[in-house]
N, C-alpha and C. Protein backbone atom coordinates (compact mmCIF):
# COMPACT_ATOMS: atom_id res chain seq x y z
N MET A 1 30.46 96.03 233.76
CA MET A 1 30.29 97.41 234.13
C MET A 1 31.38 97.99 234.91
N ARG A 2 31.96 99.09 234.55
CA ARG A 2 32.95 99.64 235.39
C ARG A 2 32.40 100.44 236.40
N TYR A 3 33.01 100.46 237.61
CA TYR A 3 32.56 101.14 238.80
C TYR A 3 33.48 102.19 239.24
N PRO A 4 33.01 103.18 239.96
CA PRO A 4 34.03 104.13 240.50
C PRO A 4 34.94 103.43 241.44
N SER A 5 36.28 103.74 241.40
CA SER A 5 37.27 102.91 242.09
C SER A 5 38.30 103.86 242.74
N ILE A 6 38.96 103.35 243.70
CA ILE A 6 40.07 103.96 244.29
C ILE A 6 41.20 102.90 244.34
N ASN A 7 42.25 103.14 243.72
CA ASN A 7 43.43 102.19 243.72
C ASN A 7 44.32 102.48 244.89
N MET A 8 44.32 101.54 245.90
CA MET A 8 45.03 101.86 247.10
C MET A 8 46.59 101.96 246.80
N LEU A 9 47.07 101.13 245.92
CA LEU A 9 48.53 101.25 245.60
C LEU A 9 48.95 102.68 245.05
N GLU A 10 48.15 103.11 244.14
CA GLU A 10 48.32 104.51 243.68
C GLU A 10 47.95 105.52 244.83
N LEU A 11 47.00 105.30 245.56
CA LEU A 11 46.76 106.41 246.59
C LEU A 11 47.82 106.40 247.72
N ALA A 12 48.31 105.24 248.13
CA ALA A 12 49.37 105.30 249.15
C ALA A 12 50.82 105.33 248.66
N GLY A 13 50.93 104.85 247.42
CA GLY A 13 52.26 104.77 246.87
C GLY A 13 53.21 103.68 247.50
N LEU A 14 52.58 102.81 248.31
CA LEU A 14 53.27 101.78 249.03
C LEU A 14 52.54 100.48 248.87
N GLU A 15 53.31 99.27 248.90
CA GLU A 15 52.72 97.94 248.80
C GLU A 15 52.28 97.48 250.20
N VAL A 16 52.87 98.22 251.27
CA VAL A 16 52.55 97.91 252.62
C VAL A 16 51.92 99.10 253.27
N LEU A 17 50.65 98.85 253.71
CA LEU A 17 49.81 99.93 254.34
C LEU A 17 49.83 99.61 255.91
N SER A 18 50.46 100.52 256.63
CA SER A 18 50.50 100.28 258.06
C SER A 18 50.51 101.59 258.81
N SER A 19 50.04 101.47 259.99
CA SER A 19 49.87 102.49 261.10
C SER A 19 48.60 103.26 260.99
N ALA A 20 48.11 103.62 262.15
CA ALA A 20 46.79 104.31 262.30
C ALA A 20 46.97 105.75 261.62
N SER A 21 48.17 106.40 261.80
CA SER A 21 48.27 107.71 261.21
C SER A 21 48.29 107.63 259.73
N ASP A 22 48.91 106.69 259.10
CA ASP A 22 48.86 106.54 257.68
C ASP A 22 47.39 106.18 257.23
N GLY A 23 46.73 105.46 258.06
CA GLY A 23 45.32 105.05 257.71
C GLY A 23 44.50 106.27 257.80
N ARG A 24 44.66 107.21 258.60
CA ARG A 24 43.82 108.45 258.78
C ARG A 24 44.12 109.36 257.48
N ALA A 25 45.40 109.32 257.11
CA ALA A 25 45.81 110.03 255.84
C ALA A 25 45.16 109.46 254.68
N GLY A 26 45.07 108.05 254.63
CA GLY A 26 44.38 107.41 253.48
C GLY A 26 42.93 107.68 253.53
N PHE A 27 42.24 107.71 254.65
CA PHE A 27 40.92 108.10 254.82
C PHE A 27 40.62 109.52 254.21
N LYS A 28 41.45 110.40 254.57
CA LYS A 28 41.27 111.75 254.07
C LYS A 28 41.34 111.83 252.60
N ALA A 29 42.33 111.11 251.97
CA ALA A 29 42.63 111.07 250.56
C ALA A 29 41.40 110.49 249.85
N MET A 30 40.93 109.38 250.46
CA MET A 30 39.71 108.68 249.93
C MET A 30 38.43 109.67 249.91
N LEU A 31 38.27 110.41 250.99
CA LEU A 31 37.20 111.25 251.13
C LEU A 31 37.29 112.34 250.07
N GLU A 32 38.35 112.79 249.62
CA GLU A 32 38.63 113.79 248.65
C GLU A 32 38.13 113.17 247.32
N LYS A 33 38.33 111.91 247.12
CA LYS A 33 37.94 111.24 245.78
C LYS A 33 36.45 110.93 245.77
N THR A 34 35.76 111.01 246.90
CA THR A 34 34.34 110.67 246.89
C THR A 34 33.48 111.97 247.10
N GLN A 35 34.04 113.19 246.89
CA GLN A 35 33.22 114.30 247.04
C GLN A 35 32.12 114.51 245.94
N ALA A 36 32.34 114.13 244.73
CA ALA A 36 31.27 114.16 243.80
C ALA A 36 30.42 112.90 243.83
N GLU A 37 29.26 113.04 244.27
CA GLU A 37 28.21 111.96 244.39
C GLU A 37 27.85 111.38 243.07
N PRO A 38 27.72 110.05 243.03
CA PRO A 38 26.97 109.48 241.79
C PRO A 38 25.51 109.91 241.80
N ALA A 39 25.03 109.75 240.57
CA ALA A 39 23.51 110.10 240.51
C ALA A 39 22.64 108.98 241.13
N THR A 40 23.10 107.77 241.22
CA THR A 40 22.35 106.59 241.67
C THR A 40 23.30 105.87 242.63
N PRO A 41 22.74 105.10 243.58
CA PRO A 41 23.54 104.24 244.43
C PRO A 41 24.46 103.38 243.56
N THR A 42 25.71 103.30 243.96
CA THR A 42 26.70 102.45 243.16
C THR A 42 27.84 102.07 244.10
N PRO A 43 28.36 100.88 243.86
CA PRO A 43 29.59 100.36 244.58
C PRO A 43 30.67 101.30 244.34
N LEU A 44 31.49 101.53 245.36
CA LEU A 44 32.81 102.23 245.37
C LEU A 44 33.82 101.15 245.59
N VAL A 45 34.54 100.80 244.49
CA VAL A 45 35.53 99.63 244.52
C VAL A 45 36.82 100.14 245.13
N ILE A 46 37.24 99.75 246.28
CA ILE A 46 38.51 100.06 246.85
C ILE A 46 39.44 98.93 246.57
N ASP A 47 40.28 99.16 245.47
CA ASP A 47 41.11 98.06 244.82
C ASP A 47 42.46 97.94 245.58
N PHE A 48 42.65 96.81 246.09
CA PHE A 48 43.83 96.43 246.81
C PHE A 48 44.79 95.59 245.94
N THR A 49 44.66 95.67 244.69
CA THR A 49 45.67 94.96 243.69
C THR A 49 47.03 95.53 244.02
N GLY A 50 47.97 94.66 244.24
CA GLY A 50 49.35 95.17 244.45
C GLY A 50 49.69 95.43 245.85
N ILE A 51 48.71 95.38 246.76
CA ILE A 51 49.01 95.61 248.19
C ILE A 51 49.31 94.28 248.79
N THR A 52 50.57 94.22 249.37
CA THR A 52 50.94 92.86 249.88
C THR A 52 50.55 92.72 251.39
N VAL A 53 50.57 93.87 252.10
CA VAL A 53 50.12 93.80 253.56
C VAL A 53 49.40 95.05 253.90
N ALA A 54 48.46 94.94 254.77
CA ALA A 54 47.67 96.02 255.29
C ALA A 54 47.32 95.71 256.71
N THR A 55 47.85 96.59 257.63
CA THR A 55 47.65 96.21 259.05
C THR A 55 46.22 96.55 259.50
N ALA A 56 45.84 95.91 260.56
CA ALA A 56 44.43 96.26 261.14
C ALA A 56 44.30 97.75 261.46
N SER A 57 45.43 98.38 262.04
CA SER A 57 45.31 99.78 262.41
C SER A 57 44.95 100.66 261.21
N TYR A 58 45.68 100.25 260.12
CA TYR A 58 45.54 101.08 258.93
C TYR A 58 44.06 100.88 258.39
N LEU A 59 43.74 99.57 258.24
CA LEU A 59 42.38 99.33 257.75
C LEU A 59 41.26 99.90 258.51
N ARG A 60 41.39 99.92 259.90
CA ARG A 60 40.54 100.50 260.78
C ARG A 60 40.27 102.02 260.49
N GLU A 61 41.38 102.67 260.38
CA GLU A 61 41.41 104.15 260.20
C GLU A 61 41.00 104.54 258.79
N ALA A 62 41.37 103.76 257.80
CA ALA A 62 41.07 104.05 256.47
C ALA A 62 39.72 103.54 255.89
N ILE A 63 39.69 102.27 255.86
CA ILE A 63 38.54 101.60 255.21
C ILE A 63 37.32 101.53 256.03
N PHE A 64 37.38 101.17 257.27
CA PHE A 64 36.15 101.07 258.11
C PHE A 64 35.68 102.47 258.42
N ASN A 65 36.61 103.55 258.58
CA ASN A 65 36.11 104.88 258.84
C ASN A 65 35.51 105.38 257.60
N LEU A 66 36.01 105.17 256.42
CA LEU A 66 35.34 105.57 255.13
C LEU A 66 33.94 104.98 255.04
N LYS A 67 33.91 103.75 255.27
CA LYS A 67 32.63 102.99 255.16
C LYS A 67 31.59 103.68 256.09
N THR A 68 32.00 103.89 257.39
CA THR A 68 31.05 104.47 258.39
C THR A 68 30.68 105.89 257.98
N PHE A 69 31.63 106.59 257.58
CA PHE A 69 31.36 107.98 257.14
C PHE A 69 30.27 108.03 255.87
N LEU A 70 30.69 107.25 254.95
CA LEU A 70 29.73 107.30 253.77
C LEU A 70 28.30 106.78 254.12
N ARG A 71 28.16 105.73 254.86
CA ARG A 71 26.90 105.28 255.22
C ARG A 71 26.21 106.20 256.14
N ALA A 72 26.91 106.77 257.02
CA ALA A 72 26.21 107.70 258.01
C ALA A 72 25.77 108.92 257.33
N SER A 73 26.43 109.38 256.28
CA SER A 73 26.07 110.52 255.59
C SER A 73 25.13 110.32 254.39
N ASN A 74 24.56 109.08 254.32
CA ASN A 74 23.60 108.70 253.29
C ASN A 74 24.17 108.90 251.92
N SER A 75 25.43 108.64 251.69
CA SER A 75 26.09 108.72 250.44
C SER A 75 25.49 107.72 249.50
N LYS A 76 25.59 107.97 248.15
CA LYS A 76 25.13 106.91 247.24
C LYS A 76 26.36 105.98 246.94
N TYR A 77 27.45 106.18 247.51
CA TYR A 77 28.65 105.25 247.50
C TYR A 77 28.50 104.14 248.47
N TYR A 78 28.71 102.93 248.08
CA TYR A 78 28.72 101.75 248.93
C TYR A 78 30.15 101.08 248.76
N PRO A 79 30.93 101.33 249.78
CA PRO A 79 32.32 100.87 249.63
C PRO A 79 32.38 99.23 249.67
N VAL A 80 33.35 98.76 248.69
CA VAL A 80 33.62 97.38 248.58
C VAL A 80 35.03 97.17 248.50
N VAL A 81 35.71 96.36 249.23
CA VAL A 81 37.11 96.06 249.17
C VAL A 81 37.17 95.02 248.00
N ALA A 82 38.17 95.31 247.07
CA ALA A 82 38.27 94.43 245.97
C ALA A 82 39.85 93.95 245.89
N ASN A 83 39.92 92.64 245.38
CA ASN A 83 41.14 92.09 245.01
C ASN A 83 42.19 92.04 246.12
N ALA A 84 41.73 92.00 247.38
CA ALA A 84 42.58 91.88 248.49
C ALA A 84 43.20 90.43 248.62
N ASN A 85 44.35 90.39 249.06
CA ASN A 85 44.96 89.04 249.27
C ASN A 85 44.50 88.41 250.65
N ALA A 86 44.83 87.24 250.88
CA ALA A 86 44.41 86.55 252.02
C ALA A 86 44.89 87.16 253.30
N ALA A 87 46.13 87.73 253.41
CA ALA A 87 46.54 88.47 254.52
C ALA A 87 45.78 89.65 254.87
N VAL A 88 45.36 90.44 253.82
CA VAL A 88 44.63 91.61 254.05
C VAL A 88 43.09 91.23 254.43
N LEU A 89 42.60 90.21 253.82
CA LEU A 89 41.33 89.83 254.21
C LEU A 89 41.30 89.31 255.78
N ASP A 90 42.26 88.61 256.12
CA ASP A 90 42.41 88.28 257.66
C ASP A 90 42.45 89.57 258.45
N GLU A 91 43.19 90.58 258.10
CA GLU A 91 43.23 91.73 258.98
C GLU A 91 41.78 92.52 258.95
N LEU A 92 41.12 92.47 257.76
CA LEU A 92 39.76 93.09 257.73
C LEU A 92 38.84 92.37 258.72
N ALA A 93 39.02 90.99 258.58
CA ALA A 93 38.10 90.17 259.66
C ALA A 93 38.38 90.55 260.98
N VAL A 94 39.55 90.75 261.40
CA VAL A 94 39.96 91.20 262.75
C VAL A 94 39.12 92.40 263.19
N ILE A 95 39.26 93.42 262.33
CA ILE A 95 38.58 94.69 262.56
C ILE A 95 37.15 94.55 262.47
N ALA A 96 36.51 93.84 261.55
CA ALA A 96 35.10 93.65 261.56
C ALA A 96 34.57 92.87 262.78
N ASP A 97 35.27 91.90 263.21
CA ASP A 97 34.71 91.28 264.39
C ASP A 97 34.91 92.19 265.58
N ALA A 98 36.01 92.87 265.74
CA ALA A 98 36.21 93.75 266.87
C ALA A 98 35.10 94.79 266.91
N ARG A 99 34.78 95.41 265.79
CA ARG A 99 33.77 96.47 265.68
C ARG A 99 32.33 95.93 265.43
N LYS A 100 32.16 94.70 265.38
CA LYS A 100 30.89 94.04 265.12
C LYS A 100 30.26 94.73 263.85
N GLU A 101 31.01 94.79 262.77
CA GLU A 101 30.62 95.45 261.56
C GLU A 101 30.76 94.43 260.39
N ASN A 102 30.29 94.73 259.27
CA ASN A 102 30.33 93.89 258.13
C ASN A 102 30.88 94.72 257.01
N LEU A 103 31.60 94.06 256.00
CA LEU A 103 32.10 94.69 254.90
C LEU A 103 32.06 93.70 253.73
N LEU A 104 31.67 94.17 252.59
CA LEU A 104 31.56 93.39 251.37
C LEU A 104 32.91 93.37 250.66
N VAL A 105 33.34 92.21 250.28
CA VAL A 105 34.62 92.03 249.57
C VAL A 105 34.30 91.27 248.28
N ALA A 106 35.18 91.46 247.31
CA ALA A 106 35.00 90.69 246.01
C ALA A 106 36.19 90.81 245.20
N ASP A 107 36.37 89.97 244.17
CA ASP A 107 37.42 90.10 243.21
C ASP A 107 36.63 90.96 242.04
N VAL A 108 37.34 92.00 241.61
CA VAL A 108 36.69 92.84 240.56
C VAL A 108 37.76 93.01 239.55
N SER A 109 37.30 92.70 238.24
CA SER A 109 38.34 92.85 237.17
C SER A 109 38.40 94.34 236.73
N PRO A 110 39.39 94.66 235.91
CA PRO A 110 39.50 96.03 235.42
C PRO A 110 38.27 96.45 234.67
N ALA A 111 37.61 95.51 234.06
CA ALA A 111 36.40 95.87 233.27
C ALA A 111 35.20 95.96 234.19
N GLY A 112 35.30 95.61 235.41
CA GLY A 112 34.19 95.80 236.40
C GLY A 112 33.49 94.41 236.66
N ALA A 113 33.89 93.33 236.13
CA ALA A 113 33.17 92.05 236.49
C ALA A 113 33.50 91.65 237.83
N ALA A 114 32.49 91.33 238.72
CA ALA A 114 32.77 91.00 240.09
C ALA A 114 32.53 89.42 240.26
N GLU A 115 33.44 88.85 241.03
CA GLU A 115 33.32 87.55 241.36
C GLU A 115 33.70 87.26 242.93
N ASN A 116 33.31 86.06 243.40
CA ASN A 116 33.66 85.71 244.74
C ASN A 116 33.18 86.77 245.76
N GLN A 117 32.06 87.33 245.64
CA GLN A 117 31.51 88.32 246.51
C GLN A 117 31.19 87.64 247.87
N HIS A 118 31.66 88.17 248.90
CA HIS A 118 31.21 87.65 250.21
C HIS A 118 31.46 88.74 251.36
N ILE A 119 30.86 88.36 252.48
CA ILE A 119 30.80 89.38 253.57
C ILE A 119 31.91 89.02 254.62
N ILE A 120 32.60 90.00 254.95
CA ILE A 120 33.56 89.89 256.11
C ILE A 120 32.79 90.42 257.39
N GLY A 121 32.86 89.65 258.33
CA GLY A 121 32.06 89.94 259.67
C GLY A 121 30.88 89.04 259.65
N GLN A 122 30.14 89.15 260.84
CA GLN A 122 28.98 88.27 261.10
C GLN A 122 27.60 88.93 260.84
N LEU A 123 26.80 88.20 260.31
CA LEU A 123 25.36 88.72 260.14
C LEU A 123 24.49 87.68 260.94
N ASP A 124 23.42 88.17 261.60
CA ASP A 124 22.56 87.30 262.24
C ASP A 124 21.85 86.44 261.19
N PRO A 125 21.42 85.35 261.57
CA PRO A 125 20.79 84.44 260.58
C PRO A 125 19.66 85.06 259.68
N LYS A 126 18.83 85.86 260.35
CA LYS A 126 17.75 86.44 259.49
C LYS A 126 18.34 87.51 258.49
N GLN A 127 19.22 88.28 258.81
CA GLN A 127 19.93 89.22 257.98
C GLN A 127 20.70 88.48 256.85
N ALA A 128 21.41 87.36 257.28
CA ALA A 128 22.12 86.56 256.29
C ALA A 128 21.17 85.97 255.23
N SER A 129 19.89 85.44 255.69
CA SER A 129 18.99 84.92 254.75
C SER A 129 18.41 85.94 253.89
N THR A 130 18.24 87.11 254.40
CA THR A 130 17.69 88.20 253.60
C THR A 130 18.70 88.72 252.59
N PHE A 131 20.05 88.79 253.00
CA PHE A 131 21.01 89.10 252.03
C PHE A 131 21.03 88.10 250.86
N GLU A 132 21.01 86.91 251.19
CA GLU A 132 21.06 85.80 250.22
C GLU A 132 19.87 85.94 249.21
N ARG A 133 18.66 86.21 249.72
CA ARG A 133 17.51 86.32 248.92
C ARG A 133 17.60 87.56 247.97
N VAL A 134 18.11 88.64 248.48
CA VAL A 134 18.28 89.86 247.67
C VAL A 134 19.34 89.49 246.53
N THR A 135 20.40 88.83 246.94
CA THR A 135 21.46 88.46 245.94
C THR A 135 20.83 87.52 244.85
N SER A 136 19.99 86.59 245.33
CA SER A 136 19.49 85.70 244.28
C SER A 136 18.37 86.28 243.40
N LEU A 137 17.57 87.21 244.00
CA LEU A 137 16.48 87.86 243.25
C LEU A 137 17.04 88.98 242.33
N GLY A 138 18.05 89.53 242.71
CA GLY A 138 18.66 90.70 241.83
C GLY A 138 18.06 92.18 242.18
N ARG A 139 16.79 92.19 242.36
CA ARG A 139 16.12 93.33 242.72
C ARG A 139 14.85 93.05 243.41
N THR A 140 14.56 93.66 244.63
CA THR A 140 13.38 93.34 245.36
C THR A 140 12.91 94.46 246.17
N THR A 141 11.77 94.28 246.72
CA THR A 141 11.18 95.16 247.76
C THR A 141 10.78 94.35 249.03
N ALA A 142 10.37 95.14 250.04
CA ALA A 142 9.92 94.52 251.29
C ALA A 142 8.69 93.70 250.99
N GLY A 143 7.72 94.27 250.14
CA GLY A 143 6.50 93.61 249.73
C GLY A 143 6.84 92.31 249.04
N ASP A 144 7.77 92.38 248.08
CA ASP A 144 8.12 91.11 247.30
C ASP A 144 8.59 90.04 248.24
N LEU A 145 9.47 90.42 249.17
CA LEU A 145 9.94 89.37 250.15
C LEU A 145 8.87 88.77 250.92
N ASN A 146 7.96 89.65 251.47
CA ASN A 146 6.86 89.26 252.31
C ASN A 146 6.03 88.23 251.55
N ARG A 147 5.64 88.58 250.23
CA ARG A 147 4.72 87.69 249.48
C ARG A 147 5.47 86.37 249.27
N MET A 148 6.79 86.36 248.90
CA MET A 148 7.53 85.21 248.53
C MET A 148 7.93 84.28 249.81
N PHE A 149 8.37 84.97 250.86
CA PHE A 149 8.92 84.20 252.01
C PHE A 149 8.24 84.43 253.31
N GLY A 150 7.20 85.38 253.46
CA GLY A 150 6.71 85.69 254.67
C GLY A 150 6.03 84.58 255.33
N GLU A 151 5.30 83.74 254.61
CA GLU A 151 4.53 82.64 255.33
C GLU A 151 5.63 81.60 255.88
N ALA A 152 6.59 81.31 255.04
CA ALA A 152 7.61 80.34 255.44
C ALA A 152 8.46 80.76 256.59
N ASP A 153 8.65 82.12 256.66
CA ASP A 153 9.38 82.65 257.75
C ASP A 153 8.58 83.10 259.01
N GLY A 154 7.34 82.96 258.79
CA GLY A 154 6.42 83.34 259.96
C GLY A 154 6.31 84.91 260.08
N VAL A 155 6.50 85.62 258.99
CA VAL A 155 6.47 87.06 259.00
C VAL A 155 5.21 87.50 258.31
N THR A 156 4.44 88.22 258.98
CA THR A 156 3.07 88.62 258.44
C THR A 156 2.99 89.99 257.93
N ALA A 157 4.03 90.85 258.13
CA ALA A 157 3.99 92.33 257.66
C ALA A 157 5.28 92.60 256.94
N PRO A 158 5.23 93.40 255.89
CA PRO A 158 6.33 93.85 255.15
C PRO A 158 7.32 94.63 256.00
N THR A 159 6.75 95.32 257.12
CA THR A 159 7.70 96.03 257.90
C THR A 159 8.84 95.33 258.44
N VAL A 160 8.66 94.10 258.71
CA VAL A 160 9.89 93.32 259.17
C VAL A 160 10.90 93.14 258.09
N TRP A 161 10.40 92.91 256.81
CA TRP A 161 11.31 92.80 255.81
C TRP A 161 11.96 94.26 255.50
N ASN A 162 11.16 95.22 255.59
CA ASN A 162 11.76 96.64 255.34
C ASN A 162 12.87 96.83 256.34
N ASN A 163 12.63 96.46 257.58
CA ASN A 163 13.73 96.73 258.65
C ASN A 163 14.93 96.01 258.28
N ARG A 164 14.89 94.67 257.90
CA ARG A 164 15.97 93.92 257.49
C ARG A 164 16.76 94.53 256.26
N LEU A 165 15.96 94.92 255.31
CA LEU A 165 16.63 95.50 254.13
C LEU A 165 17.19 96.77 254.46
N ALA A 166 16.62 97.65 255.24
CA ALA A 166 17.17 98.96 255.62
C ALA A 166 18.45 98.73 256.36
N SER A 167 18.51 97.74 257.26
CA SER A 167 19.73 97.36 258.03
C SER A 167 20.81 96.91 257.17
N LEU A 168 20.54 96.13 256.26
CA LEU A 168 21.60 95.64 255.17
C LEU A 168 22.12 96.88 254.51
N ALA A 169 21.30 97.67 253.94
CA ALA A 169 21.67 98.94 253.25
C ALA A 169 22.46 99.79 254.06
N ALA A 170 22.06 100.05 255.32
CA ALA A 170 22.83 100.89 256.28
C ALA A 170 24.26 100.33 256.43
N ALA A 171 24.40 99.02 256.46
CA ALA A 171 25.68 98.27 256.58
C ALA A 171 26.41 98.37 255.36
N GLY A 172 25.88 98.85 254.28
CA GLY A 172 26.54 98.92 252.98
C GLY A 172 26.69 97.67 252.20
N LEU A 173 25.73 96.73 252.42
CA LEU A 173 25.84 95.32 251.96
C LEU A 173 24.93 95.19 250.75
N ILE A 174 23.87 96.01 250.54
CA ILE A 174 23.00 96.07 249.46
C ILE A 174 22.70 97.47 249.08
N LEU A 175 22.34 97.74 247.78
CA LEU A 175 22.04 99.09 247.44
C LEU A 175 20.60 99.43 247.72
N GLU A 176 20.30 100.58 248.16
CA GLU A 176 18.91 101.09 248.38
C GLU A 176 18.59 102.15 247.40
N PHE A 177 17.46 102.00 246.66
CA PHE A 177 16.96 102.93 245.67
C PHE A 177 15.69 103.50 246.20
N THR A 178 15.41 104.75 245.85
CA THR A 178 14.09 105.35 246.25
C THR A 178 13.44 105.85 244.93
N GLN A 179 12.13 105.49 244.75
CA GLN A 179 11.34 106.03 243.69
C GLN A 179 10.09 106.56 244.35
N GLY A 180 9.97 107.84 244.49
CA GLY A 180 8.94 108.48 245.23
C GLY A 180 8.92 107.99 246.73
N ARG A 181 7.76 107.40 247.13
CA ARG A 181 7.79 106.93 248.59
C ARG A 181 8.36 105.48 248.57
N ALA A 182 8.39 104.80 247.52
CA ALA A 182 8.68 103.34 247.45
C ALA A 182 10.24 103.25 247.42
N LYS A 183 10.70 102.07 247.96
CA LYS A 183 12.20 101.80 247.96
C LYS A 183 12.25 100.33 247.47
N PHE A 184 13.38 100.16 246.71
CA PHE A 184 13.72 98.79 246.28
C PHE A 184 15.16 98.71 246.52
N TYR A 185 15.55 97.33 246.53
CA TYR A 185 16.96 97.03 246.92
C TYR A 185 17.61 95.99 245.94
N GLN A 186 18.90 96.16 245.72
CA GLN A 186 19.53 95.08 244.94
C GLN A 186 20.94 94.86 245.34
N PRO A 187 21.56 93.87 244.90
CA PRO A 187 22.94 93.54 245.34
C PRO A 187 23.83 94.68 244.81
N LEU A 188 25.02 94.82 245.40
CA LEU A 188 25.93 95.79 244.97
C LEU A 188 26.47 95.41 243.62
N PHE A 189 26.57 94.07 243.35
CA PHE A 189 27.08 93.51 242.01
C PHE A 189 26.07 92.59 241.59
N THR A 190 25.22 92.95 240.54
CA THR A 190 24.21 91.93 240.18
C THR A 190 24.85 90.90 239.32
N GLU A 191 25.92 91.00 238.74
CA GLU A 191 26.57 89.87 238.02
C GLU A 191 27.51 89.03 238.87
N ALA A 192 27.61 89.37 240.16
CA ALA A 192 28.60 88.62 240.98
C ALA A 192 28.19 87.14 241.17
N ASN A 193 29.07 86.19 241.35
CA ASN A 193 28.76 84.96 241.68
C ASN A 193 29.42 84.56 243.00
């Protein structure tokens, strides 16, 4: 499946992304590209193919500010950094740790197939296990998780699961769908491994 995407090499016109001021310009350019909301929650692939270096100051101003803005505005876009090299991933980790935030990264093909999905930044153990369960189930609700794992985890009410799921969705790590009063959740990439 093809996902909406922003090609960072095309956006910046450079293989090296550096400086906070250029990051702010990148943030504004990405905001313009996300004005039209999708009909349903969907990953927004921020493609770093061809980017050799991206500094922490650029990534903070561009990528993390975009993620924060989209999640705070209840956008249906869920930003994912794709196809970043090891140097860029290291810089993302520096910012994620400093801000105590998380970011989903993956390798995404031009056709939209996602592989090597993982989280940059730290999750607490309960959030991490909830993320893994959502990823393995593909689609779930708080009630489903309570029925399947509540007893083993010592959780007696779906409210605890709902809070964990809502927290992961607010962090942009899983998709949140609403049908009437009910909510269900699924991984950003259902085909990811």
